[in-house]
Amino acid sequence: MNSRHLSRGGMPWFPIMGEFHYGRYPAAEWREELLKVRAGGVTVVSTYVFWNLHEERRGVFDWSGDRDLRRFVRTCADLELDVVVRIGPWGGTASRATAGFPTGCWRPAACRVPMIPATSASCGRCSSRSAASCPG
């Protein structure tokens, strides 16, 4: 890195980042859609880990099928796309129920404020399991 550009492999590198939410697409479509992203000039894919997608039932995490973060990251790597994994719960808050938090972490609907003690321990579980799902 210098005052003009980042470097990668001794060459100037100008990363172009795009957003792709793997949890909103069937896994069977990831490769095709990521090829389109790459064709558009994107070199880095950012993705949210929607906590409430992976822990629909308190304490039970599901990383299979369309929720397989490891498979998504590997698919990106196969296509020579770098990945920035953005671990929830605040992912895609405008369009996800309960702002990405599992429903068990919320007070009654009228309040709409996360219960911090319940969230702190649970969020740590989600973060560590998300990290364990990422190869490399």
Protein backbone atom coordinates (compact mmCIF):
# COMPACT_ATOMS: atom_id res chain seq x y z
CA MET A 1 0.00 0.00 0.00
CA ASN A 2 1.17 3.50 -0.75
CA SER A 3 -0.50 6.90 -1.07
CA ARG A 4 -1.96 5.96 -4.48
CA HIS A 5 -3.15 2.35 -4.28
CA LEU A 6 -3.27 -0.93 -2.44
CA SER A 7 -0.88 -3.64 -3.57
CA ARG A 8 -1.41 -7.33 -4.04
CA GLY A 9 1.34 -9.61 -5.24
CA GLY A 10 3.51 -6.56 -5.86
CA MET A 11 0.99 -5.07 -8.29
CA PRO A 12 -1.49 -2.21 -7.84
CA TRP A 13 -4.81 -3.55 -6.60
CA PHE A 14 -8.12 -1.74 -6.67
CA PRO A 15 -10.75 -3.93 -5.00
CA ILE A 16 -14.33 -3.49 -6.14
CA MET A 17 -16.83 -4.74 -3.56
CA GLY A 18 -20.37 -5.93 -4.15
CA GLU A 19 -22.99 -7.31 -1.79
CA PHE A 20 -24.47 -10.82 -2.08
CA HIS A 21 -26.65 -12.33 0.63
CA TYR A 22 -26.22 -16.08 0.32
CA GLY A 23 -29.15 -16.65 2.67
CA ARG A 24 -31.51 -15.06 0.16
CA TYR A 25 -30.62 -17.35 -2.75
CA PRO A 26 -30.88 -21.09 -3.20
CA ALA A 27 -27.40 -22.62 -2.98
CA ALA A 28 -27.92 -24.13 -6.43
CA GLU A 29 -27.92 -20.58 -7.88
CA TRP A 30 -24.91 -19.14 -6.03
CA ARG A 31 -22.30 -19.99 -8.67
CA GLU A 32 -24.34 -18.59 -11.58
CA GLU A 33 -25.17 -15.39 -9.71
CA LEU A 34 -21.59 -14.92 -8.49
CA LEU A 35 -20.35 -15.29 -12.07
CA LYS A 36 -22.63 -12.36 -12.98
CA VAL A 37 -21.25 -10.37 -10.05
CA ARG A 38 -17.68 -11.08 -11.18
CA ALA A 39 -18.55 -10.21 -14.79
CA GLY A 40 -19.67 -6.81 -13.51
CA GLY A 41 -16.15 -6.13 -12.24
CA VAL A 42 -16.63 -7.05 -8.60
CA THR A 43 -13.56 -8.64 -6.98
CA VAL A 44 -14.72 -8.75 -3.34
CA VAL A 45 -18.10 -10.06 -2.18
CA SER A 46 -19.55 -8.90 1.11
CA THR A 47 -22.21 -11.07 2.73
CA TYR A 48 -24.26 -10.95 5.92
CA VAL A 49 -24.65 -13.91 8.24
CA PHE A 50 -28.29 -13.57 9.23
CA TRP A 51 -28.36 -14.86 12.77
CA ASN A 52 -32.08 -15.61 12.72
CA LEU A 53 -31.60 -17.68 9.57
CA HIS A 54 -29.13 -19.98 11.31
CA GLU A 55 -30.73 -20.15 14.77
CA GLU A 56 -34.47 -20.36 14.16
CA ARG A 57 -34.83 -22.36 17.38
CA ARG A 58 -32.90 -21.13 20.40
CA GLY A 59 -29.58 -22.95 20.72
CA VAL A 60 -30.06 -24.99 17.52
CA PHE A 61 -27.86 -23.77 14.68
CA ASP A 62 -28.35 -24.88 11.09
CA TRP A 63 -25.53 -24.41 8.56
CA SER A 64 -26.84 -26.86 5.96
CA GLY A 65 -28.24 -26.50 2.44
CA ASP A 66 -28.97 -22.89 1.47
CA ARG A 67 -27.50 -21.80 4.84
CA ASP A 68 -24.08 -23.36 4.22
CA LEU A 69 -21.72 -20.43 4.74
CA ARG A 70 -18.63 -22.61 4.22
CA ARG A 71 -19.92 -23.74 0.82
CA PHE A 72 -20.67 -20.14 -0.14
CA VAL A 73 -17.18 -18.94 0.82
CA ARG A 74 -15.60 -21.85 -1.07
CA THR A 75 -17.72 -21.10 -4.13
CA CYS A 76 -16.47 -17.51 -4.04
CA ALA A 77 -12.87 -18.73 -3.73
CA ASP A 78 -13.35 -21.07 -6.69
CA LEU A 79 -14.41 -18.02 -8.72
CA GLU A 80 -11.43 -15.99 -7.42
CA LEU A 81 -13.65 -13.65 -5.43
CA ASP A 82 -12.51 -12.47 -2.01
CA VAL A 83 -15.17 -12.49 0.71
CA VAL A 84 -15.96 -10.19 3.62
CA VAL A 85 -18.24 -12.04 6.05
CA ARG A 86 -20.36 -9.64 8.09
CA ILE A 87 -21.56 -11.49 11.14
CA GLY A 88 -24.99 -10.44 12.45
CA PRO A 89 -27.21 -9.78 14.12
CA TRP A 90 -27.58 -6.36 12.48
CA GLY A 91 -27.47 -7.68 8.92
CA GLY A 92 -30.06 -6.44 6.46
CA THR A 93 -32.14 -4.85 9.18
CA ALA A 94 -34.47 -3.10 6.76
CA SER A 95 -35.85 -6.33 5.37
CA ARG A 96 -35.33 -9.04 8.01
CA ALA A 97 -37.84 -9.68 10.76
CA THR A 98 -36.50 -8.67 14.18
CA ALA A 99 -33.49 -6.98 12.53
CA GLY A 100 -31.72 -10.32 12.17
CA PHE A 101 -31.98 -11.26 15.84
CA PRO A 102 -33.60 -14.62 16.66
CA THR A 103 -37.09 -13.97 18.01
CA GLY A 104 -36.14 -15.28 21.47
CA CYS A 105 -33.80 -12.29 21.98
CA TRP A 106 -36.56 -9.69 21.83
CA ARG A 107 -38.83 -8.19 24.47
CA PRO A 108 -42.54 -7.91 23.77
CA ALA A 109 -43.34 -6.44 20.35
CA ALA A 110 -44.30 -3.02 21.73
CA CYS A 111 -40.79 -2.44 23.08
CA ARG A 112 -38.65 -3.41 20.05
CA VAL A 113 -35.41 -3.17 22.04
CA PRO A 114 -33.04 -6.14 22.16
CA MET A 115 -32.50 -7.73 25.54
CA ILE A 116 -28.79 -7.12 25.96
CA PRO A 117 -27.99 -9.88 28.52
CA ALA A 118 -29.76 -12.52 26.42
CA THR A 119 -28.21 -11.16 23.26
CA SER A 120 -24.61 -10.97 24.47
CA ALA A 121 -24.14 -14.69 25.17
CA SER A 122 -26.20 -15.77 22.17
CA CYS A 123 -24.42 -13.39 19.81
CA GLY A 124 -21.09 -14.85 20.91
CA ARG A 125 -22.35 -18.32 19.99
CA CYS A 126 -23.45 -17.10 16.56
CA SER A 127 -20.15 -15.31 15.92
CA SER A 128 -17.99 -18.26 16.88
CA ARG A 129 -20.06 -20.68 14.80
CA SER A 130 -19.97 -18.30 11.84
CA ALA A 131 -16.18 -18.08 12.10
CA ALA A 132 -15.91 -21.86 12.33
CA SER A 133 -17.88 -22.12 9.08
CA CYS A 134 -15.39 -20.03 7.12
CA PRO A 135 -12.47 -21.91 5.57
CA GLY A 136 -9.05 -20.30 5.74
